[in-house]
Protein backbone atom coordinates (compact mmCIF):
# COMPACT_ATOMS: atom_id res chain seq x y z
CA MET A 1 131.14 114.49 98.77
CA THR A 2 131.21 114.20 102.56
CA GLU A 3 129.39 111.40 104.34
CA VAL A 4 126.75 113.91 105.43
CA GLU A 5 126.27 115.08 101.87
CA PHE A 6 126.17 111.53 100.58
CA LYS A 7 123.54 110.59 103.19
CA ALA A 8 121.38 113.55 102.14
CA PHE A 9 121.80 112.70 98.47
CA CYS A 10 120.69 109.13 99.05
CA GLU A 11 117.68 110.15 101.12
CA ARG A 12 116.60 112.56 98.41
CA HIS A 13 117.44 110.63 95.26
CA MET A 14 118.29 106.97 96.03
CA SER A 15 115.32 106.08 98.25
CA LYS A 16 111.64 105.21 97.87
CA SER A 17 109.28 105.03 100.83
CA GLY A 18 112.29 105.49 103.13
CA ARG A 19 114.19 102.52 101.69
CA LEU A 20 117.26 102.59 99.47
CA VAL A 21 116.55 101.31 95.96
CA ALA A 22 119.32 98.99 94.81
CA ALA A 23 118.68 99.69 91.12
CA ARG A 24 119.42 103.41 91.66
CA LEU A 25 122.62 102.72 93.58
CA GLN A 26 123.77 100.35 90.85
CA ALA A 27 122.96 102.88 88.11
CA ALA A 28 124.95 105.54 90.02
CA LEU A 29 127.94 103.19 90.08
CA ALA A 30 127.57 102.62 86.29
CA LEU A 31 127.28 106.37 85.56
CA LEU A 32 130.42 107.18 87.52
CA GLU A 33 132.20 104.32 85.85
CA ARG A 34 131.44 105.84 82.50
CA VAL A 35 132.62 109.23 83.68
CA ARG A 36 136.01 107.75 84.46
CA ASP A 37 136.41 107.03 80.71
CA HIS A 38 134.34 109.90 79.32
CA GLN A 39 135.05 112.92 81.50
CA ILE A 40 131.95 114.84 80.49
CA PHE A 41 129.55 116.36 83.02
CA ASP A 42 126.35 116.68 81.02
CA LEU A 43 124.05 113.74 81.62
CA TRP A 44 122.63 113.77 78.07
CA ASP A 45 126.12 113.09 76.66
CA HIS A 46 126.10 109.80 78.54
CA LYS A 47 122.70 108.58 77.27
CA PRO A 48 121.62 107.27 73.88
CA ARG A 49 118.67 109.10 72.39
CA GLY A 50 115.35 107.91 73.71
CA SER A 51 116.84 105.57 76.35
CA SER A 52 116.24 105.53 80.09
CA GLY A 53 119.74 104.17 80.75
CA LEU A 54 123.34 104.99 79.90
CA GLU A 55 125.33 104.28 76.78
CA SER A 56 126.73 100.74 77.41
CA HIS A 57 124.94 100.82 80.77
CA GLU A 58 125.42 97.15 81.68
CA THR A 59 129.04 97.06 80.52
CA PHE A 60 130.01 99.90 82.83
CA GLY A 61 127.85 98.46 85.61
CA ASP A 62 129.59 95.12 85.39
CA ARG A 63 133.01 96.73 85.41
CA ALA A 64 132.24 98.74 88.55
CA HIS A 65 130.87 95.71 90.33
CA ASP A 66 133.96 93.68 89.44
CA ARG A 67 136.24 96.40 90.87
CA TYR A 68 134.38 96.58 94.16
CA LYS A 69 133.78 92.81 94.31
CA ILE A 70 130.01 93.01 94.85
CA ASP A 71 127.25 90.96 93.28
CA ALA A 72 124.70 92.65 91.04
CA ILE A 73 121.40 92.88 92.87
CA ASN A 74 119.57 94.15 89.82
CA LYS A 75 120.89 92.16 86.91
CA ASN A 76 120.45 95.12 84.46
CA HIS A 77 122.16 97.58 86.89
CA GLY A 78 118.99 99.68 87.06
CA ARG A 79 118.93 100.32 83.33
CA ARG A 80 115.17 100.41 83.24
CA SER A 81 114.19 101.33 86.83
CA SER A 82 116.80 103.77 88.16
CA ASN A 83 115.05 107.14 87.79
CA LEU A 84 118.33 108.33 86.31
CA ASP A 85 116.97 111.52 84.80
CA GLU A 86 116.08 112.84 88.26
CA TRP A 87 119.43 112.42 90.00
CA GLY A 88 122.05 111.87 87.28
CA GLN A 89 122.78 115.54 86.60
CA PRO A 90 123.06 116.51 90.32
CA LEU A 91 125.56 113.66 90.80
CA LEU A 92 127.61 114.82 87.78
CA ASP A 93 127.53 118.41 89.08
CA HIS A 94 129.11 117.20 92.29
CA ILE A 95 131.81 115.28 90.45
CA ARG A 96 132.59 118.31 88.29
CA LEU A 97 133.08 120.51 91.42
CA ALA A 98 135.13 117.82 93.19
CA SER A 99 137.34 117.51 90.09
CA ALA A 100 138.59 121.07 90.60
CA GLY A 101 140.79 119.82 93.44
CA LEU A 102 141.19 116.19 92.44
CA SER A 103 141.40 114.28 89.22
CA THR A 104 138.06 113.15 87.84
CA VAL A 105 139.01 109.52 88.40
CA SER A 106 139.88 110.24 92.08
CA ALA A 107 136.62 112.10 92.58
CA CYS A 108 134.70 109.16 91.07
CA ASP A 109 136.62 106.69 93.22
CA ARG A 110 135.55 108.27 96.49
CA VAL A 111 131.86 108.46 95.61
CA GLN A 112 131.72 105.09 93.95
CA GLN A 113 133.17 103.55 97.11
CA MET A 114 130.25 105.02 99.08
CA PHE A 115 127.65 103.62 96.66
CA ALA A 116 129.43 100.22 96.69
CA ASP A 117 129.37 100.16 100.50
CA LYS A 118 125.63 100.84 100.56
CA LEU A 119 125.02 98.05 98.02
CA ARG A 120 127.12 95.68 100.13
CA GLU A 121 124.98 96.55 103.18
CA ILE A 122 121.83 95.63 101.27
CA LEU A 123 123.36 92.34 100.13
CA GLU A 124 124.67 91.32 103.47
CA LEU A 125 122.41 92.93 106.04
CA GLU A 126 119.15 94.52 104.93
CA PRO A 127 116.18 92.15 104.95
CA LEU A 128 113.01 92.50 102.90
CA ARG A 129 110.39 94.55 104.72
CA ALA A 130 106.78 93.39 105.25
CA ARG A 131 104.62 96.49 105.48
CA MET A 132 101.32 95.17 106.76
CA ASN A 133 99.41 98.17 108.07
CA ALA A 134 96.10 98.78 106.22
CA ARG A 135 97.00 96.39 103.39
CA THR A 136 95.44 93.19 102.06
CA ALA A 137 97.54 90.05 102.33
CA GLU A 138 97.84 90.11 98.48
CA SER A 139 99.21 93.67 98.63
CA VAL A 140 101.76 92.71 101.31
CA ILE A 141 103.02 89.83 99.16
CA ALA A 142 103.10 92.01 96.03
CA ASP A 143 105.18 94.64 97.85
CA ILE A 144 107.67 92.02 99.03
CA LEU A 145 107.98 90.64 95.48
CA GLN A 146 108.58 94.11 94.19
CA GLN A 147 111.41 94.61 96.72
CA ALA A 148 112.87 91.25 95.64
CA ASP A 149 112.52 92.26 92.01
CA GLU A 150 114.62 95.36 92.63
CA ARG A 151 117.37 93.03 93.89
CA GLY A 152 117.03 90.65 90.95
CA LYS A 153 115.85 87.89 93.31
CA VAL A 154 112.06 87.80 92.77
CA GLY A 155 112.07 84.20 91.50
CA VAL A 156 113.78 82.91 94.65
CA VAL A 157 111.51 84.85 97.02
CA ALA A 158 108.34 83.84 95.19
CA GLN A 159 109.22 80.16 95.12
CA TYR A 160 110.14 80.09 98.82
CA LEU A 161 106.97 82.06 99.77
CA VAL A 162 104.87 79.54 97.88
CA GLY A 163 106.67 76.73 99.70
CA ALA A 164 106.06 78.40 103.09
CA LYS A 165 102.39 78.98 102.16
CA LEU A 166 101.98 75.28 101.39
CA GLN A 167 103.55 74.37 104.70
CA LEU A 168 101.22 76.81 106.51
CA ARG A 169 98.16 75.49 104.74
CA PHE A 170 99.05 71.78 104.97
CA PRO A 171 101.04 71.38 108.20
CA GLY A 172 100.77 67.57 108.12
CA GLN A 173 102.28 67.18 104.67
CA ASP A 174 105.92 66.91 103.73
CA ILE A 175 106.43 69.84 101.30
CA GLN A 176 109.64 69.28 99.35
CA ARG A 177 112.22 71.95 100.02
CA GLU A 178 114.74 72.54 97.27
CA ALA A 179 117.01 75.41 96.36
CA TYR A 180 115.63 77.77 93.75
CA ASN A 181 115.29 76.06 90.33
CA LYS A 182 117.22 73.02 91.51
CA GLY A 183 115.88 69.82 90.06
CA ASP A 184 112.51 71.31 89.24
CA ARG A 185 112.42 70.18 85.62
CA LYS A 186 111.58 66.71 84.45
CA LYS A 187 114.39 65.11 82.48
CA ARG A 188 113.63 62.27 80.10
CA GLY A 189 114.68 58.95 81.58
CA ASP A 190 115.09 60.38 85.08
CA PRO A 191 112.32 58.94 87.29
CA HIS A 192 113.47 61.00 90.32
CA ALA A 193 113.30 64.45 88.81
CA ARG A 194 110.26 66.56 89.77
CA LEU A 195 107.62 67.68 87.32
CA ALA A 196 107.60 71.20 88.72
CA ASP A 197 108.60 73.31 91.70
CA PHE A 198 106.10 71.58 93.98
CA GLU A 199 104.00 68.42 93.83
CA VAL A 200 101.04 68.18 96.24
CA ALA A 201 98.80 65.14 95.93
CA GLU A 202 97.50 65.21 92.32
CA ALA A 203 98.58 68.75 91.54
CA VAL A 204 101.89 70.11 90.29
CA ILE A 205 102.75 73.72 90.96
CA GLU A 206 105.18 75.81 88.96
CA VAL A 207 106.21 79.41 89.64
CA ALA A 208 106.75 81.32 86.39
CA LEU A 209 107.16 85.03 86.95
CA GLY A 210 108.31 86.20 83.52
CA THR A 211 106.32 86.70 80.34
CA PRO A 212 105.02 83.52 78.60
CA ASP A 213 108.04 81.56 77.39
CA GLU A 214 108.58 78.39 75.44
CA LYS A 215 110.32 76.58 78.30
CA HIS A 216 107.35 76.85 80.65
CA LEU A 217 104.76 76.27 77.96
CA ASP A 218 106.60 73.10 76.93
CA GLN A 219 106.78 72.04 80.54
CA VAL A 220 103.01 72.46 80.97
CA MET A 221 102.42 70.38 77.85
CA ASP A 222 104.78 67.66 79.03
CA ILE A 223 102.98 67.42 82.40
CA LEU A 224 99.58 67.26 80.74
CA GLU A 225 100.68 64.62 78.23
CA THR A 226 102.50 62.35 80.65
CA SER A 227 100.38 62.53 83.80
CA SER A 228 96.81 63.04 84.95
CA SER A 229 97.82 65.85 87.32
CA GLU A 230 96.34 69.33 87.50
CA VAL A 231 98.85 72.02 86.63
CA TRP A 232 98.90 75.19 88.73
CA LEU A 233 100.92 77.88 87.06
CA LEU A 234 101.71 80.76 89.42
CA VAL A 235 102.51 84.03 87.65
CA ARG A 236 102.83 87.74 88.45
CA ALA A 237 99.41 89.34 88.68
CA ALA A 238 100.35 91.86 85.98
CA ARG A 239 101.03 89.01 83.54
CA LEU A 240 98.01 86.90 84.33
CA GLY A 241 96.17 87.91 81.11
CA ALA A 242 99.19 87.17 78.88
CA TRP A 243 99.54 83.62 80.31
CA GLN A 244 95.84 82.95 80.07
CA SER A 245 95.85 83.97 76.42
CA GLU A 246 98.78 81.70 75.66
CA LEU A 247 97.19 78.69 77.32
CA ALA A 248 93.82 79.32 75.68
CA ALA A 249 95.27 77.58 72.62
CA LEU A 250 95.31 74.24 74.41
CA ASN A 251 92.54 71.77 73.49
CA ALA A 252 89.61 71.77 75.88
CA PRO A 253 90.41 68.60 77.88
CA MET A 254 93.96 69.83 78.55
CA ARG A 255 92.93 73.42 79.25
CA GLN A 256 90.47 72.25 81.85
CA ARG A 257 93.36 70.72 83.89
CA VAL A 258 95.35 74.02 84.05
CA VAL A 259 94.91 76.74 86.68
CA VAL A 260 96.66 80.01 86.08
CA VAL A 261 96.69 82.35 89.10
CA GLY A 262 98.68 85.29 90.39
CA VAL A 263 101.25 84.24 92.95
CA GLU A 264 100.16 87.16 95.12
CA SER A 265 96.63 85.79 95.29
CA PHE A 266 97.75 82.16 95.64
CA VAL A 267 99.65 83.06 98.81
CA GLY A 268 97.48 85.93 100.07
CA GLN A 269 94.06 84.35 99.81
CA ASN A 270 94.87 81.40 102.09
CA VAL A 271 96.53 83.76 104.58
CA THR A 272 93.37 85.82 104.77
CA GLU A 273 91.07 82.80 105.06
CA LEU A 274 93.20 81.17 107.72
CA GLY A 275 92.99 84.45 109.63
CA GLY A 276 89.19 84.32 109.61
CA PHE A 277 89.04 87.48 107.43
CA SER A 278 89.89 89.59 110.51
CA SER A 279 92.74 92.13 110.45
CA LYS A 280 94.44 90.61 113.49
CA GLY A 281 93.96 87.08 112.22
CA LYS A 282 95.41 88.04 108.83
CA HIS A 283 98.36 89.71 110.58
CA ASP A 284 99.00 86.67 112.74
CA GLN A 285 98.92 84.35 109.73
CA LEU A 286 101.31 86.60 107.81
CA LEU A 287 103.68 86.44 110.74
CA ALA A 288 103.37 82.61 110.75
CA LEU A 289 104.01 82.56 106.98
CA PHE A 290 107.15 84.72 107.29
CA LYS A 291 108.37 82.61 110.22
CA LEU A 292 108.18 79.47 108.05
CA TYR A 293 109.80 81.32 105.12
CA ASN A 294 112.71 82.56 107.23
CA GLU A 295 113.32 79.40 109.29
CA GLN A 296 112.48 76.61 106.79
CA TRP A 297 113.66 78.19 103.57
CA ILE A 298 116.10 81.10 104.02
CA GLU A 299 118.02 79.69 107.00
CA ARG A 300 118.40 76.37 105.21
CA LEU A 301 118.85 77.50 101.64
CA GLY A 302 119.82 81.16 101.84
CA PRO A 303 120.73 83.84 101.15
CA ALA A 304 120.29 85.57 104.52
CA SER A 305 119.74 88.95 102.80
CA LEU A 306 116.33 87.70 101.61
CA ARG A 307 114.90 87.27 105.11
CA ILE A 308 111.59 89.04 105.64
CA ASP A 309 111.40 91.40 108.63
CA ALA A 310 107.76 91.47 109.71
CA GLY A 311 108.07 93.88 112.60
CA PRO A 312 106.01 93.93 115.83
CA PRO A 313 102.56 92.38 116.14
CA VAL A 314 99.30 94.27 115.46
CA GLN A 315 97.49 95.86 118.40
CA ALA A 316 93.81 96.79 118.67
CA SER A 317 92.99 100.41 119.34
CA GLU A 318 90.35 101.53 121.90
CA GLY A 319 87.80 101.74 119.14
CA GLY A 320 88.46 98.17 118.02
CA VAL A 321 90.25 99.19 114.80
CA PRO A 322 93.57 97.36 114.48
CA ARG A 323 96.74 99.37 114.38
CA SER A 324 100.26 98.31 113.65
CA ARG A 325 103.73 99.84 113.89
CA VAL A 326 104.90 97.78 110.94
């Protein structure tokens, strides 16, 4: 596969909305890793029945990443989100043709190196993109979280965006700034450990993006039993109902001290309000949010690859309708 062919393949199969999808690149590495051992060129021979991934998908993904010395952006190597059925067979067809003049392993080597180089670019260079044109603030935040999810870094990005939002909303307060998940659990007998990710006045705020789990439920109970604080549990919007159902089992006095809200809304609503509900005001506040996120969180705590690129400012058209090149 020439560089021109590889670029065309990526644009057609490895991209979404003009952006490379790390999960697809990782799944391609895993597929070619399996072909090195099982030199078969029919995709269905590499997949277990009824699965969206490969046979031993993560094992082969880990092996390929170890060889090329790159971190796994998506921790499952795209096993569930790679769109493998669309591009897997075309990739195998290329390897089969290339194997006519090379060994299968050599043909895999060349193409795997190209995929590894693209993944390294994402890890080291490509920021998250804020696409703000004709979107609510909540939608902008949701899109950024989805990009971070594809890199396996959604927890980091969500926590730092919440921290930046608190700094934006309460500029006179000292919002604690800690690396992701560092010291954010109360340990018995440790008076200096924090109750949650953030503590603001009489509220404690915890970011919990997964499905309801015993660790976070126990943490909520511990806070309610040992303090008089309100507990704000920030979850993914799609999991809001599941968390509310779990916490409905609390007795009434405790339940009335718990707020469960989507992290997208928690960040986005204040941005919109601070912007006066105008498109330009919202855009300006998003830029201020991302500036705080980049300078106060990413530059100090890293990694640099999780910077948010917000693009140029919004401009008003002649008819008064905002337009943006973002």
